[in-house]
PDB file of N, CA and C in Angstrom:
ATOM      1  N   UNK A   1      17.187 -14.648  -7.136  1.00  0.00           N
ATOM      2  CA  UNK A   1      15.863 -14.201  -7.548  1.00  0.00           C
ATOM      3  C   UNK A   1      15.332 -13.210  -6.525  1.00  0.00           C
ATOM      4  N   UNK A   2      14.850 -12.064  -6.981  1.00  0.00           N
ATOM      5  CA  UNK A   2      14.349 -11.035  -6.081  1.00  0.00           C
ATOM      6  C   UNK A   2      12.918 -11.330  -5.660  1.00  0.00           C
ATOM      7  N   UNK A   3      12.717 -11.359  -4.373  1.00  0.00           N
ATOM      8  CA  UNK A   3      11.371 -11.530  -3.838  1.00  0.00           C
ATOM      9  C   UNK A   3      10.736 -10.154  -3.689  1.00  0.00           C
ATOM     10  N   UNK A   4       9.432 -10.025  -3.917  1.00  0.00           N
ATOM     11  CA  UNK A   4       8.785  -8.726  -3.750  1.00  0.00           C
ATOM     12  C   UNK A   4       8.838  -8.271  -2.297  1.00  0.00           C
ATOM     13  N   UNK A   5       9.097  -6.978  -2.110  1.00  0.00           N
ATOM     14  CA  UNK A   5       9.173  -6.425  -0.765  1.00  0.00           C
ATOM     15  C   UNK A   5       7.816  -5.972  -0.256  1.00  0.00           C
ATOM     16  N   UNK A   6       6.921  -5.637  -1.168  1.00  0.00           N
ATOM     17  CA  UNK A   6       5.626  -5.096  -0.783  1.00  0.00           C
ATOM     18  C   UNK A   6       4.518  -5.824  -1.523  1.00  0.00           C
ATOM     19  N   UNK A   7       3.356  -5.811  -0.928  1.00  0.00           N
ATOM     20  CA  UNK A   7       2.167  -6.348  -1.570  1.00  0.00           C
ATOM     21  C   UNK A   7       1.150  -5.225  -1.658  1.00  0.00           C
ATOM     22  N   UNK A   8       0.595  -5.007  -2.834  1.00  0.00           N
ATOM     23  CA  UNK A   8      -0.417  -3.983  -3.039  1.00  0.00           C
ATOM     24  C   UNK A   8      -1.764  -4.659  -3.201  1.00  0.00           C
ATOM     25  N   UNK A   9      -2.704  -4.288  -2.360  1.00  0.00           N
ATOM     26  CA  UNK A   9      -4.059  -4.802  -2.461  1.00  0.00           C
ATOM     27  C   UNK A   9      -4.952  -3.666  -2.929  1.00  0.00           C
ATOM     28  N   UNK A  10      -5.693  -3.905  -3.991  1.00  0.00           N
ATOM     29  CA  UNK A  10      -6.559  -2.881  -4.564  1.00  0.00           C
ATOM     30  C   UNK A  10      -7.985  -3.400  -4.567  1.00  0.00           C
ATOM     31  N   UNK A  11      -8.882  -2.601  -4.005  1.00  0.00           N
ATOM     32  CA  UNK A  11     -10.305  -2.941  -4.066  1.00  0.00           C
ATOM     33  C   UNK A  11     -10.872  -2.267  -5.306  1.00  0.00           C
ATOM     34  N   UNK A  12     -11.282  -3.069  -6.274  1.00  0.00           N
ATOM     35  CA  UNK A  12     -11.768  -2.526  -7.537  1.00  0.00           C
ATOM     36  C   UNK A  12     -13.243  -2.164  -7.429  1.00  0.00           C
ATOM     37  N   UNK A  13     -13.606  -1.086  -8.085  1.00  0.00           N
ATOM     38  CA  UNK A  13     -14.999  -0.682  -8.193  1.00  0.00           C
ATOM     39  C   UNK A  13     -15.693  -1.621  -9.178  1.00  0.00           C
ATOM     40  N   UNK A  14     -17.025  -1.607  -9.193  1.00  0.00           N
ATOM     41  CA  UNK A  14     -17.729  -2.496 -10.127  1.00  0.00           C
ATOM     42  C   UNK A  14     -17.372  -2.255 -11.595  1.00  0.00           C
ATOM     43  N   UNK A  15     -17.010  -1.042 -11.933  1.00  0.00           N
ATOM     44  CA  UNK A  15     -16.665  -0.757 -13.320  1.00  0.00           C
ATOM     45  C   UNK A  15     -15.316  -1.381 -13.662  1.00  0.00           C
ATOM     46  N   UNK A  16     -15.153  -1.773 -14.881  1.00  0.00           N
ATOM     47  CA  UNK A  16     -13.897  -2.376 -15.325  1.00  0.00           C
ATOM     48  C   UNK A  16     -12.807  -1.339 -15.567  1.00  0.00           C
ATOM     49  N   UNK A  17     -13.147  -0.059 -15.529  1.00  0.00           N
ATOM     50  CA  UNK A  17     -12.146   0.957 -15.855  1.00  0.00           C
ATOM     51  C   UNK A  17     -10.987   0.953 -14.871  1.00  0.00           C
ATOM     52  N   UNK A  18     -11.231   0.634 -13.593  1.00  0.00           N
ATOM     53  CA  UNK A  18     -10.135   0.601 -12.633  1.00  0.00           C
ATOM     54  C   UNK A  18      -9.188  -0.556 -12.922  1.00  0.00           C
ATOM     55  N   UNK A  19      -9.727  -1.679 -13.342  1.00  0.00           N
ATOM     56  CA  UNK A  19      -8.889  -2.812 -13.710  1.00  0.00           C
ATOM     57  C   UNK A  19      -8.012  -2.448 -14.903  1.00  0.00           C
ATOM     58  N   UNK A  20      -8.578  -1.783 -15.882  1.00  0.00           N
ATOM     59  CA  UNK A  20      -7.805  -1.363 -17.048  1.00  0.00           C
ATOM     60  C   UNK A  20      -6.780  -0.308 -16.668  1.00  0.00           C
ATOM     61  N   UNK A  21      -7.131   0.589 -15.752  1.00  0.00           N
ATOM     62  CA  UNK A  21      -6.191   1.618 -15.327  1.00  0.00           C
ATOM     63  C   UNK A  21      -5.036   1.004 -14.555  1.00  0.00           C
ATOM     64  N   UNK A  22      -5.291  -0.047 -13.796  1.00  0.00           N
ATOM     65  CA  UNK A  22      -4.217  -0.713 -13.065  1.00  0.00           C
ATOM     66  C   UNK A  22      -3.214  -1.326 -14.037  1.00  0.00           C
ATOM     67  N   UNK A  23      -3.697  -1.933 -15.097  1.00  0.00           N
ATOM     68  CA  UNK A  23      -2.809  -2.491 -16.118  1.00  0.00           C
ATOM     69  C   UNK A  23      -2.018  -1.372 -16.789  1.00  0.00           C
ATOM     70  N   UNK A  24      -2.684  -0.265 -17.099  1.00  0.00           N
ATOM     71  CA  UNK A  24      -1.999   0.865 -17.716  1.00  0.00           C
ATOM     72  C   UNK A  24      -0.964   1.456 -16.768  1.00  0.00           C
ATOM     73  N   UNK A  25      -1.277   1.486 -15.488  1.00  0.00           N
ATOM     74  CA  UNK A  25      -0.337   2.030 -14.507  1.00  0.00           C
ATOM     75  C   UNK A  25       0.924   1.188 -14.446  1.00  0.00           C
ATOM     76  N   UNK A  26       0.771  -0.110 -14.499  1.00  0.00           N
ATOM     77  CA  UNK A  26       1.939  -0.980 -14.455  1.00  0.00           C
ATOM     78  C   UNK A  26       2.805  -0.787 -15.697  1.00  0.00           C
ATOM     79  N   UNK A  27       2.182  -0.475 -16.813  1.00  0.00           N
ATOM     80  CA  UNK A  27       2.934  -0.303 -18.051  1.00  0.00           C
ATOM     81  C   UNK A  27       3.557   1.087 -18.175  1.00  0.00           C
ATOM     82  N   UNK A  28       2.856   2.123 -17.710  1.00  0.00           N
ATOM     83  CA  UNK A  28       3.269   3.497 -17.984  1.00  0.00           C
ATOM     84  C   UNK A  28       3.824   4.250 -16.787  1.00  0.00           C
ATOM     85  N   UNK A  29       3.427   3.896 -15.590  1.00  0.00           N
ATOM     86  CA  UNK A  29       3.781   4.690 -14.413  1.00  0.00           C
ATOM     87  C   UNK A  29       4.257   3.774 -13.295  1.00  0.00           C
ATOM     88  N   UNK A  30       4.790   4.382 -12.287  1.00  0.00           N
ATOM     89  CA  UNK A  30       5.040   3.614 -11.078  1.00  0.00           C
ATOM     90  C   UNK A  30       3.721   3.475 -10.334  1.00  0.00           C
ATOM     91  N   UNK A  31       3.629   2.501  -9.458  1.00  0.00           N
ATOM     92  CA  UNK A  31       2.404   2.297  -8.692  1.00  0.00           C
ATOM     93  C   UNK A  31       2.109   3.518  -7.817  1.00  0.00           C
ATOM     94  N   UNK A  32       3.139   4.160  -7.294  1.00  0.00           N
ATOM     95  CA  UNK A  32       2.933   5.350  -6.468  1.00  0.00           C
ATOM     96  C   UNK A  32       2.221   6.457  -7.223  1.00  0.00           C
ATOM     97  N   UNK A  33       2.595   6.681  -8.480  1.00  0.00           N
ATOM     98  CA  UNK A  33       1.927   7.692  -9.293  1.00  0.00           C
ATOM     99  C   UNK A  33       0.482   7.293  -9.570  1.00  0.00           C
ATOM    100  N   UNK A  34       0.244   6.012  -9.784  1.00  0.00           N
ATOM    101  CA  UNK A  34      -1.112   5.527 -10.034  1.00  0.00           C
ATOM    102  C   UNK A  34      -2.000   5.753  -8.817  1.00  0.00           C
ATOM    103  N   UNK A  35      -1.486   5.385  -7.643  1.00  0.00           N
ATOM    104  CA  UNK A  35      -2.258   5.558  -6.412  1.00  0.00           C
ATOM    105  C   UNK A  35      -2.512   7.041  -6.156  1.00  0.00           C
ATOM    106  N   UNK A  36      -1.520   7.871  -6.390  1.00  0.00           N
ATOM    107  CA  UNK A  36      -1.692   9.317  -6.232  1.00  0.00           C
ATOM    108  C   UNK A  36      -2.800   9.821  -7.148  1.00  0.00           C
ATOM    109  N   UNK A  37      -2.835   9.336  -8.377  1.00  0.00           N
ATOM    110  CA  UNK A  37      -3.886   9.731  -9.309  1.00  0.00           C
ATOM    111  C   UNK A  37      -5.272   9.348  -8.824  1.00  0.00           C
ATOM    112  N   UNK A  38      -5.407   8.150  -8.268  1.00  0.00           N
ATOM    113  CA  UNK A  38      -6.698   7.709  -7.741  1.00  0.00           C
ATOM    114  C   UNK A  38      -7.122   8.590  -6.572  1.00  0.00           C
ATOM    115  N   UNK A  39      -6.191   8.884  -5.669  1.00  0.00           N
ATOM    116  CA  UNK A  39      -6.512   9.710  -4.505  1.00  0.00           C
ATOM    117  C   UNK A  39      -6.944  11.105  -4.947  1.00  0.00           C
ATOM    118  N   UNK A  40      -6.211  11.709  -5.875  1.00  0.00           N
ATOM    119  CA  UNK A  40      -6.580  13.035  -6.364  1.00  0.00           C
ATOM    120  C   UNK A  40      -7.936  13.015  -7.058  1.00  0.00           C
ATOM    121  N   UNK A  41      -8.205  11.942  -7.799  1.00  0.00           N
ATOM    122  CA  UNK A  41      -9.495  11.834  -8.473  1.00  0.00           C
ATOM    123  C   UNK A  41     -10.628  11.740  -7.466  1.00  0.00           C
ATOM    124  N   UNK A  42     -10.432  10.963  -6.402  1.00  0.00           N
ATOM    125  CA  UNK A  42     -11.469  10.830  -5.380  1.00  0.00           C
ATOM    126  C   UNK A  42     -11.679  12.147  -4.635  1.00  0.00           C
ATOM    127  N   UNK A  43     -10.604  12.894  -4.383  1.00  0.00           N
ATOM    128  CA  UNK A  43     -10.708  14.142  -3.629  1.00  0.00           C
ATOM    129  C   UNK A  43     -11.268  15.287  -4.459  1.00  0.00           C
ATOM    130  N   UNK A  44     -10.789  15.442  -5.688  1.00  0.00           N
ATOM    131  CA  UNK A  44     -11.089  16.643  -6.461  1.00  0.00           C
ATOM    132  C   UNK A  44     -11.911  16.402  -7.716  1.00  0.00           C
ATOM    133  N   UNK A  45     -12.194  15.154  -8.038  1.00  0.00           N
ATOM    134  CA  UNK A  45     -12.931  14.863  -9.259  1.00  0.00           C
ATOM    135  C   UNK A  45     -11.991  14.550 -10.401  1.00  0.00           C
ATOM    136  N   UNK A  46     -12.539  13.949 -11.434  1.00  0.00           N
ATOM    137  CA  UNK A  46     -11.723  13.450 -12.537  1.00  0.00           C
ATOM    138  C   UNK A  46     -10.975  14.566 -13.262  1.00  0.00           C
ATOM    139  N   UNK A  47     -11.622  15.712 -13.523  1.00  0.00           N
ATOM    140  CA  UNK A  47     -10.978  16.783 -14.275  1.00  0.00           C
ATOM    141  C   UNK A  47      -9.772  17.335 -13.521  1.00  0.00           C
ATOM    142  N   UNK A  48      -9.929  17.605 -12.235  1.00  0.00           N
ATOM    143  CA  UNK A  48      -8.845  18.190 -11.456  1.00  0.00           C
ATOM    144  C   UNK A  48      -7.711  17.209 -11.204  1.00  0.00           C
ATOM    145  N   UNK A  49      -7.989  15.939 -11.169  1.00  0.00           N
ATOM    146  CA  UNK A  49      -6.945  14.943 -10.926  1.00  0.00           C
ATOM    147  C   UNK A  49      -6.035  14.775 -12.135  1.00  0.00           C
ATOM    148  N   UNK A  50      -6.500  15.198 -13.299  1.00  0.00           N
ATOM    149  CA  UNK A  50      -5.721  14.973 -14.517  1.00  0.00           C
ATOM    150  C   UNK A  50      -5.235  16.270 -15.148  1.00  0.00           C
ATOM    151  N   UNK A  51      -4.894  17.240 -14.334  1.00  0.00           N
ATOM    152  CA  UNK A  51      -4.223  18.413 -14.865  1.00  0.00           C
ATOM    153  C   UNK A  51      -5.025  19.691 -14.880  1.00  0.00           C
ATOM    154  N   UNK A  52      -6.329  19.636 -14.727  1.00  0.00           N
ATOM    155  CA  UNK A  52      -7.138  20.851 -14.725  1.00  0.00           C
ATOM    156  C   UNK A  52      -7.319  21.302 -13.285  1.00  0.00           C
ATOM    157  N   UNK A  53      -6.272  21.857 -12.716  1.00  0.00           N
ATOM    158  CA  UNK A  53      -6.259  22.185 -11.291  1.00  0.00           C
ATOM    159  C   UNK A  53      -6.793  23.586 -11.040  1.00  0.00           C
ATOM    160  N   UNK A  54      -8.091  23.746 -11.206  1.00  0.00           N
ATOM    161  CA  UNK A  54      -8.706  25.051 -11.004  1.00  0.00           C
ATOM    162  C   UNK A  54      -8.571  25.511  -9.562  1.00  0.00           C
ATOM    163  N   UNK A  55      -8.644  24.589  -8.620  1.00  0.00           N
ATOM    164  CA  UNK A  55      -8.556  24.949  -7.206  1.00  0.00           C
ATOM    165  C   UNK A  55      -7.187  25.541  -6.902  1.00  0.00           C
ATOM    166  N   UNK A  56      -6.138  24.902  -7.368  1.00  0.00           N
ATOM    167  CA  UNK A  56      -4.794  25.399  -7.110  1.00  0.00           C
ATOM    168  C   UNK A  56      -4.539  26.707  -7.853  1.00  0.00           C
ATOM    169  N   UNK A  57      -5.033  26.835  -9.069  1.00  0.00           N
ATOM    170  CA  UNK A  57      -4.836  28.063  -9.838  1.00  0.00           C
ATOM    171  C   UNK A  57      -5.503  29.231  -9.136  1.00  0.00           C
ATOM    172  N   UNK A  58      -6.719  29.013  -8.637  1.00  0.00           N
ATOM    173  CA  UNK A  58      -7.416  30.076  -7.923  1.00  0.00           C
ATOM    174  C   UNK A  58      -6.656  30.512  -6.690  1.00  0.00           C
ATOM    175  N   UNK A  59      -6.068  29.572  -5.985  1.00  0.00           N
ATOM    176  CA  UNK A  59      -5.297  29.910  -4.788  1.00  0.00           C
ATOM    177  C   UNK A  59      -4.073  30.728  -5.160  1.00  0.00           C
ATOM    178  N   UNK A  60      -3.434  30.392  -6.249  1.00  0.00           N
ATOM    179  CA  UNK A  60      -2.256  31.147  -6.684  1.00  0.00           C
ATOM    180  C   UNK A  60      -2.646  32.567  -7.088  1.00  0.00           C
ATOM    181  N   UNK A  61      -3.777  32.714  -7.771  1.00  0.00           N
ATOM    182  CA  UNK A  61      -4.213  34.046  -8.178  1.00  0.00           C
ATOM    183  C   UNK A  61      -4.537  34.906  -6.963  1.00  0.00           C
ATOM    184  N   UNK A  62      -5.184  34.321  -5.963  1.00  0.00           N
ATOM    185  CA  UNK A  62      -5.517  35.075  -4.759  1.00  0.00           C
ATOM    186  C   UNK A  62      -4.268  35.517  -4.017  1.00  0.00           C
ATOM    187  N   UNK A  63      -3.278  34.637  -3.914  1.00  0.00           N
ATOM    188  CA  UNK A  63      -2.068  34.993  -3.186  1.00  0.00           C
ATOM    189  C   UNK A  63      -1.280  36.066  -3.925  1.00  0.00           C
ATOM    190  N   UNK A  64      -1.329  36.072  -5.250  1.00  0.00           N
ATOM    191  CA  UNK A  64      -0.622  37.099  -6.022  1.00  0.00           C
ATOM    192  C   UNK A  64      -1.317  38.449  -5.899  1.00  0.00           C
ATOM    193  N   UNK A  65      -2.644  38.455  -5.838  1.00  0.00           N
ATOM    194  CA  UNK A  65      -3.366  39.719  -5.783  1.00  0.00           C
ATOM    195  C   UNK A  65      -3.241  40.387  -4.419  1.00  0.00           C
ATOM    196  N   UNK A  66      -2.879  39.635  -3.395  1.00  0.00           N
ATOM    197  CA  UNK A  66      -2.732  40.205  -2.057  1.00  0.00           C
ATOM    198  C   UNK A  66      -1.431  40.976  -1.904  1.00  0.00           C
ATOM    199  N   UNK A  67      -0.486  40.754  -2.780  1.00  0.00           N
ATOM    200  CA  UNK A  67       0.819  41.422  -2.658  1.00  0.00           C
ATOM    201  C   UNK A  67       0.771  42.865  -3.059  1.00  0.00           C
TER     202      UNK A  67
END
């Protein structure tokens, strides 16, 4: 029988959405991808964490225009 190698402790916000997202993460993604999503959401906001990366797009446009 395989014993777990790691323990993940999650501090949930008062809203139930994080609890539901944790269940969805276990079903659809690896925990690493789930944690990465939370970190990106906290840093850049919900829209940018889920694919609308305006900050990164702007940086790419600026670097292309300098050439």
